[in-house]
Amino acid sequence: METPQTIDSYIAQFSEEQQVRLQEIRQVIKTAAPEATERISWQMPTFFLKGNLVHFAQQKNHLGFYPGANGVEYYLEHKERLGEYKHSKGAIQFPSGKPLPHELITEIVTFRVGENTGGTAH
């Protein structure tokens, strides 16, 4: 794949079904962080607000959401309420073919906005 220069060009590289999911997560993030700007960082769609906020990327069998270690820690503290997903130190995997967890994404993005802007972290 060619290195994209915009989120639109990143999304355009994928199947129609994947594009729908990518646009969906993009909109959920935009709604949760309307002041954040979009860019490509680490060859992934990135939302930026006084620093990198969150990234996302299409993988073979899942949509990767990259809120950083603190964002994953937030998820782990609330996963009994927000659902069980595969995760690593800085990433959460949303399986292909399953609905995206809007509440989870919104809460983590809101948490990260607070971190990046000096607001309340929890």
N, C-alpha and C. Protein backbone atom coordinates (compact mmCIF):
# COMPACT_ATOMS: atom_id res chain seq x y z
N MET A 1 0.82 -1.19 0.00
CA MET A 1 0.00 0.00 0.00
C MET A 1 0.87 1.26 0.00
N GLU A 2 0.37 2.25 -0.66
CA GLU A 2 1.04 3.54 -0.72
C GLU A 2 0.85 4.27 0.62
N THR A 3 1.86 5.03 1.03
CA THR A 3 1.75 5.79 2.27
C THR A 3 0.75 6.94 2.07
N PRO A 4 -0.34 6.92 2.82
CA PRO A 4 -1.36 7.97 2.65
C PRO A 4 -0.90 9.30 3.25
N GLN A 5 -1.43 10.37 2.71
CA GLN A 5 -1.11 11.71 3.21
C GLN A 5 -2.27 12.30 4.02
N THR A 6 -3.47 11.74 3.87
CA THR A 6 -4.64 12.20 4.59
C THR A 6 -5.42 11.00 5.09
N ILE A 7 -6.33 11.24 6.03
CA ILE A 7 -7.18 10.14 6.51
C ILE A 7 -8.08 9.66 5.38
N ASP A 8 -8.57 10.57 4.55
CA ASP A 8 -9.40 10.15 3.42
C ASP A 8 -8.64 9.21 2.49
N SER A 9 -7.39 9.54 2.18
CA SER A 9 -6.62 8.66 1.29
C SER A 9 -6.27 7.33 1.98
N TYR A 10 -6.11 7.35 3.29
CA TYR A 10 -5.89 6.10 4.04
C TYR A 10 -7.12 5.21 3.89
N ILE A 11 -8.28 5.76 4.17
CA ILE A 11 -9.53 4.99 4.15
C ILE A 11 -9.82 4.47 2.74
N ALA A 12 -9.52 5.24 1.72
CA ALA A 12 -9.81 4.86 0.33
C ALA A 12 -9.08 3.60 -0.11
N GLN A 13 -8.05 3.19 0.61
CA GLN A 13 -7.26 2.01 0.24
C GLN A 13 -7.95 0.69 0.57
N PHE A 14 -9.05 0.74 1.31
CA PHE A 14 -9.65 -0.48 1.83
C PHE A 14 -10.96 -0.82 1.14
N SER A 15 -11.46 -2.02 1.42
CA SER A 15 -12.73 -2.47 0.85
C SER A 15 -13.86 -1.56 1.33
N GLU A 16 -14.97 -1.61 0.62
CA GLU A 16 -16.12 -0.77 0.97
C GLU A 16 -16.57 -1.04 2.41
N GLU A 17 -16.63 -2.29 2.80
CA GLU A 17 -17.04 -2.66 4.16
C GLU A 17 -16.07 -2.08 5.20
N GLN A 18 -14.79 -2.19 4.94
CA GLN A 18 -13.80 -1.64 5.86
C GLN A 18 -13.87 -0.12 5.89
N GLN A 19 -14.12 0.50 4.74
CA GLN A 19 -14.24 1.95 4.69
C GLN A 19 -15.38 2.45 5.58
N VAL A 20 -16.48 1.72 5.58
CA VAL A 20 -17.62 2.10 6.42
C VAL A 20 -17.22 2.09 7.89
N ARG A 21 -16.52 1.05 8.32
CA ARG A 21 -16.08 0.97 9.73
C ARG A 21 -15.05 2.05 10.05
N LEU A 22 -14.14 2.30 9.14
CA LEU A 22 -13.13 3.34 9.37
C LEU A 22 -13.79 4.71 9.48
N GLN A 23 -14.76 4.98 8.62
CA GLN A 23 -15.48 6.26 8.71
C GLN A 23 -16.29 6.34 10.02
N GLU A 24 -16.80 5.20 10.44
CA GLU A 24 -17.58 5.15 11.68
C GLU A 24 -16.71 5.50 12.89
N ILE A 25 -15.55 4.87 13.02
CA ILE A 25 -14.69 5.18 14.16
C ILE A 25 -14.19 6.62 14.07
N ARG A 26 -13.92 7.07 12.86
CA ARG A 26 -13.50 8.46 12.67
C ARG A 26 -14.55 9.42 13.19
N GLN A 27 -15.82 9.16 12.87
CA GLN A 27 -16.90 10.04 13.32
C GLN A 27 -17.09 9.98 14.83
N VAL A 28 -16.98 8.82 15.43
CA VAL A 28 -17.10 8.70 16.88
C VAL A 28 -16.01 9.52 17.57
N ILE A 29 -14.79 9.43 17.06
CA ILE A 29 -13.67 10.19 17.63
C ILE A 29 -13.90 11.69 17.43
N LYS A 30 -14.32 12.09 16.23
CA LYS A 30 -14.59 13.52 15.95
C LYS A 30 -15.64 14.08 16.90
N THR A 31 -16.67 13.31 17.17
CA THR A 31 -17.74 13.74 18.06
C THR A 31 -17.23 13.88 19.49
N ALA A 32 -16.38 12.97 19.92
CA ALA A 32 -15.84 13.00 21.29
C ALA A 32 -14.76 14.06 21.46
N ALA A 33 -14.09 14.42 20.37
CA ALA A 33 -12.99 15.39 20.44
C ALA A 33 -13.11 16.37 19.27
N PRO A 34 -14.13 17.22 19.26
CA PRO A 34 -14.37 18.08 18.11
C PRO A 34 -13.26 19.10 17.85
N GLU A 35 -12.44 19.41 18.84
CA GLU A 35 -11.37 20.38 18.65
C GLU A 35 -10.08 19.74 18.14
N ALA A 36 -10.04 18.42 18.10
CA ALA A 36 -8.85 17.72 17.62
C ALA A 36 -8.73 17.86 16.10
N THR A 37 -7.52 17.85 15.61
CA THR A 37 -7.28 17.89 14.17
C THR A 37 -6.85 16.51 13.69
N GLU A 38 -7.06 16.29 12.40
CA GLU A 38 -6.72 15.01 11.80
C GLU A 38 -5.37 15.10 11.10
N ARG A 39 -4.65 14.01 11.15
CA ARG A 39 -3.39 13.91 10.42
C ARG A 39 -3.02 12.43 10.30
N ILE A 40 -1.98 12.18 9.55
CA ILE A 40 -1.40 10.84 9.48
C ILE A 40 -0.12 10.88 10.30
N SER A 41 -0.01 9.95 11.23
CA SER A 41 1.19 9.82 12.04
C SER A 41 1.46 8.33 12.21
N TRP A 42 2.70 7.95 12.08
CA TRP A 42 3.06 6.52 12.12
C TRP A 42 2.29 5.75 11.05
N GLN A 43 1.99 6.40 9.93
CA GLN A 43 1.25 5.83 8.79
C GLN A 43 -0.17 5.40 9.17
N MET A 44 -0.73 6.03 10.22
CA MET A 44 -2.08 5.72 10.67
C MET A 44 -2.89 7.01 10.82
N PRO A 45 -4.20 6.90 10.64
CA PRO A 45 -5.06 8.04 10.97
C PRO A 45 -4.88 8.41 12.44
N THR A 46 -4.69 9.69 12.68
CA THR A 46 -4.39 10.18 14.01
C THR A 46 -5.22 11.43 14.31
N PHE A 47 -5.70 11.51 15.52
CA PHE A 47 -6.32 12.73 15.99
C PHE A 47 -5.34 13.39 16.94
N PHE A 48 -5.15 14.69 16.76
CA PHE A 48 -4.11 15.45 17.46
C PHE A 48 -4.76 16.59 18.23
N LEU A 49 -4.43 16.73 19.50
CA LEU A 49 -4.90 17.83 20.33
C LEU A 49 -3.84 18.06 21.40
N LYS A 50 -2.98 19.05 21.16
CA LYS A 50 -1.84 19.31 22.06
C LYS A 50 -0.99 18.06 22.22
N GLY A 51 -0.86 17.32 21.15
CA GLY A 51 -0.13 16.05 21.12
C GLY A 51 -1.02 14.99 20.52
N ASN A 52 -0.45 13.84 20.20
CA ASN A 52 -1.24 12.75 19.65
C ASN A 52 -2.29 12.35 20.67
N LEU A 53 -3.52 12.23 20.20
CA LEU A 53 -4.64 11.86 21.06
C LEU A 53 -4.90 10.36 20.94
N VAL A 54 -5.31 9.93 19.76
CA VAL A 54 -5.53 8.50 19.47
C VAL A 54 -5.22 8.26 17.99
N HIS A 55 -4.90 7.01 17.69
CA HIS A 55 -4.69 6.55 16.32
C HIS A 55 -5.68 5.39 16.09
N PHE A 56 -5.93 5.09 14.83
CA PHE A 56 -6.65 3.86 14.49
C PHE A 56 -6.10 3.34 13.18
N ALA A 57 -6.26 2.04 12.95
CA ALA A 57 -5.73 1.44 11.73
C ALA A 57 -6.45 0.13 11.45
N GLN A 58 -6.71 -0.11 10.17
CA GLN A 58 -7.33 -1.36 9.74
C GLN A 58 -6.27 -2.44 9.70
N GLN A 59 -6.55 -3.55 10.33
CA GLN A 59 -5.69 -4.72 10.29
C GLN A 59 -6.45 -5.84 9.58
N LYS A 60 -5.81 -6.97 9.38
CA LYS A 60 -6.44 -8.05 8.62
C LYS A 60 -7.78 -8.48 9.22
N ASN A 61 -7.81 -8.73 10.53
CA ASN A 61 -9.01 -9.28 11.16
C ASN A 61 -9.63 -8.37 12.23
N HIS A 62 -9.13 -7.18 12.33
CA HIS A 62 -9.67 -6.27 13.34
C HIS A 62 -9.34 -4.82 12.98
N LEU A 63 -10.00 -3.94 13.69
CA LEU A 63 -9.71 -2.51 13.60
C LEU A 63 -8.94 -2.18 14.87
N GLY A 64 -7.70 -1.72 14.70
CA GLY A 64 -6.88 -1.37 15.85
C GLY A 64 -7.16 0.05 16.30
N PHE A 65 -7.30 0.22 17.61
CA PHE A 65 -7.52 1.53 18.23
C PHE A 65 -6.35 1.73 19.18
N TYR A 66 -5.64 2.83 19.03
CA TYR A 66 -4.39 3.06 19.73
C TYR A 66 -4.47 4.33 20.58
N PRO A 67 -4.97 4.20 21.82
CA PRO A 67 -5.09 5.35 22.70
C PRO A 67 -3.89 5.55 23.61
N GLY A 68 -2.84 4.76 23.41
CA GLY A 68 -1.67 4.83 24.27
C GLY A 68 -1.88 4.04 25.54
N ALA A 69 -0.81 3.90 26.31
CA ALA A 69 -0.84 3.07 27.52
C ALA A 69 -1.87 3.57 28.53
N ASN A 70 -1.98 4.88 28.72
CA ASN A 70 -2.95 5.39 29.69
C ASN A 70 -4.39 5.15 29.23
N GLY A 71 -4.64 5.24 27.94
CA GLY A 71 -5.97 4.96 27.42
C GLY A 71 -6.34 3.50 27.62
N VAL A 72 -5.40 2.58 27.42
CA VAL A 72 -5.66 1.16 27.65
C VAL A 72 -5.86 0.91 29.15
N GLU A 73 -5.08 1.57 29.98
CA GLU A 73 -5.24 1.44 31.43
C GLU A 73 -6.65 1.89 31.84
N TYR A 74 -7.12 3.00 31.28
CA TYR A 74 -8.48 3.47 31.53
C TYR A 74 -9.48 2.38 31.15
N TYR A 75 -9.29 1.78 29.97
CA TYR A 75 -10.17 0.70 29.52
C TYR A 75 -10.16 -0.44 30.52
N LEU A 76 -8.98 -0.86 30.98
CA LEU A 76 -8.89 -1.99 31.89
C LEU A 76 -9.61 -1.71 33.21
N GLU A 77 -9.59 -0.46 33.65
CA GLU A 77 -10.29 -0.09 34.88
C GLU A 77 -11.80 -0.14 34.72
N HIS A 78 -12.29 -0.05 33.47
CA HIS A 78 -13.74 0.02 33.23
C HIS A 78 -14.26 -1.10 32.33
N LYS A 79 -13.45 -2.11 32.05
CA LYS A 79 -13.85 -3.10 31.05
C LYS A 79 -15.06 -3.93 31.47
N GLU A 80 -15.32 -4.06 32.76
CA GLU A 80 -16.51 -4.82 33.19
C GLU A 80 -17.78 -4.13 32.67
N ARG A 81 -17.73 -2.85 32.45
CA ARG A 81 -18.86 -2.07 31.95
C ARG A 81 -18.77 -1.86 30.44
N LEU A 82 -17.56 -1.81 29.90
CA LEU A 82 -17.35 -1.43 28.50
C LEU A 82 -17.11 -2.60 27.55
N GLY A 83 -17.02 -3.81 28.09
CA GLY A 83 -16.85 -4.98 27.22
C GLY A 83 -15.43 -5.50 27.22
N GLU A 84 -15.28 -6.73 26.75
CA GLU A 84 -13.99 -7.42 26.75
C GLU A 84 -13.43 -7.47 25.34
N TYR A 85 -12.25 -6.88 25.15
CA TYR A 85 -11.57 -6.87 23.86
C TYR A 85 -10.12 -7.25 24.05
N LYS A 86 -9.54 -7.85 23.03
CA LYS A 86 -8.10 -8.10 23.06
C LYS A 86 -7.40 -6.75 23.14
N HIS A 87 -6.31 -6.73 23.89
CA HIS A 87 -5.58 -5.48 24.06
C HIS A 87 -4.12 -5.76 24.35
N SER A 88 -3.31 -4.74 24.19
CA SER A 88 -1.91 -4.79 24.56
C SER A 88 -1.62 -3.50 25.31
N LYS A 89 -0.38 -3.20 25.55
CA LYS A 89 -0.03 -2.03 26.35
C LYS A 89 -0.62 -0.73 25.80
N GLY A 90 -0.65 -0.57 24.48
CA GLY A 90 -1.13 0.69 23.90
C GLY A 90 -2.23 0.54 22.87
N ALA A 91 -2.84 -0.66 22.76
CA ALA A 91 -3.80 -0.90 21.69
C ALA A 91 -4.98 -1.74 22.17
N ILE A 92 -6.11 -1.52 21.51
CA ILE A 92 -7.31 -2.32 21.73
C ILE A 92 -7.78 -2.78 20.35
N GLN A 93 -8.17 -4.05 20.24
CA GLN A 93 -8.60 -4.62 18.96
C GLN A 93 -10.12 -4.77 18.93
N PHE A 94 -10.74 -4.23 17.88
CA PHE A 94 -12.17 -4.39 17.65
C PHE A 94 -12.33 -5.37 16.49
N PRO A 95 -12.83 -6.59 16.76
CA PRO A 95 -12.91 -7.63 15.73
C PRO A 95 -13.76 -7.21 14.53
N SER A 96 -13.32 -7.61 13.35
CA SER A 96 -14.09 -7.38 12.13
C SER A 96 -15.41 -8.12 12.25
N GLY A 97 -16.45 -7.55 11.66
CA GLY A 97 -17.74 -8.20 11.66
C GLY A 97 -18.57 -8.00 12.91
N LYS A 98 -18.05 -7.27 13.89
CA LYS A 98 -18.80 -6.98 15.11
C LYS A 98 -18.98 -5.47 15.22
N PRO A 99 -20.07 -5.03 15.82
CA PRO A 99 -20.30 -3.58 15.95
C PRO A 99 -19.18 -2.90 16.74
N LEU A 100 -18.87 -1.68 16.35
CA LEU A 100 -17.88 -0.91 17.10
C LEU A 100 -18.49 -0.44 18.41
N PRO A 101 -17.72 -0.47 19.49
CA PRO A 101 -18.22 -0.05 20.80
C PRO A 101 -18.12 1.47 20.96
N HIS A 102 -19.13 2.17 20.50
CA HIS A 102 -19.11 3.64 20.51
C HIS A 102 -18.87 4.20 21.91
N GLU A 103 -19.54 3.63 22.92
CA GLU A 103 -19.38 4.14 24.28
C GLU A 103 -17.93 4.02 24.74
N LEU A 104 -17.31 2.89 24.49
CA LEU A 104 -15.92 2.67 24.88
C LEU A 104 -15.00 3.67 24.19
N ILE A 105 -15.14 3.81 22.88
CA ILE A 105 -14.29 4.73 22.12
C ILE A 105 -14.48 6.15 22.64
N THR A 106 -15.73 6.55 22.84
CA THR A 106 -16.03 7.90 23.32
C THR A 106 -15.41 8.15 24.69
N GLU A 107 -15.56 7.21 25.59
CA GLU A 107 -15.01 7.40 26.94
C GLU A 107 -13.49 7.51 26.92
N ILE A 108 -12.85 6.66 26.15
CA ILE A 108 -11.38 6.71 26.10
C ILE A 108 -10.91 8.00 25.45
N VAL A 109 -11.54 8.40 24.37
CA VAL A 109 -11.15 9.65 23.71
C VAL A 109 -11.36 10.82 24.67
N THR A 110 -12.47 10.86 25.37
CA THR A 110 -12.73 11.92 26.33
C THR A 110 -11.68 11.93 27.43
N PHE A 111 -11.31 10.77 27.91
CA PHE A 111 -10.24 10.64 28.90
C PHE A 111 -8.92 11.21 28.35
N ARG A 112 -8.60 10.83 27.12
CA ARG A 112 -7.34 11.30 26.51
C ARG A 112 -7.37 12.82 26.27
N VAL A 113 -8.52 13.38 25.91
CA VAL A 113 -8.64 14.83 25.76
C VAL A 113 -8.29 15.48 27.09
N GLY A 114 -8.83 14.96 28.18
CA GLY A 114 -8.52 15.49 29.50
C GLY A 114 -7.04 15.42 29.81
N GLU A 115 -6.41 14.32 29.45
CA GLU A 115 -4.96 14.20 29.68
C GLU A 115 -4.20 15.24 28.88
N ASN A 116 -4.53 15.37 27.60
CA ASN A 116 -3.77 16.25 26.72
C ASN A 116 -4.00 17.74 26.99
N THR A 117 -5.15 18.05 27.55
CA THR A 117 -5.45 19.48 27.76
C THR A 117 -5.34 19.90 29.22
N GLY A 118 -4.93 18.98 30.07
CA GLY A 118 -4.78 19.32 31.49
C GLY A 118 -6.07 19.26 32.27
N GLY A 119 -7.10 18.67 31.66
CA GLY A 119 -8.38 18.53 32.36
C GLY A 119 -8.34 17.34 33.30
N THR A 120 -9.46 17.00 33.84
CA THR A 120 -9.56 15.88 34.76
C THR A 120 -9.27 14.59 34.01
N ALA A 121 -8.36 13.78 34.55
CA ALA A 121 -7.99 12.52 33.90
C ALA A 121 -9.01 11.41 34.14
N HIS A 122 -9.68 11.37 35.25
CA HIS A 122 -10.68 10.31 35.54
C HIS A 122 -11.96 10.95 35.96
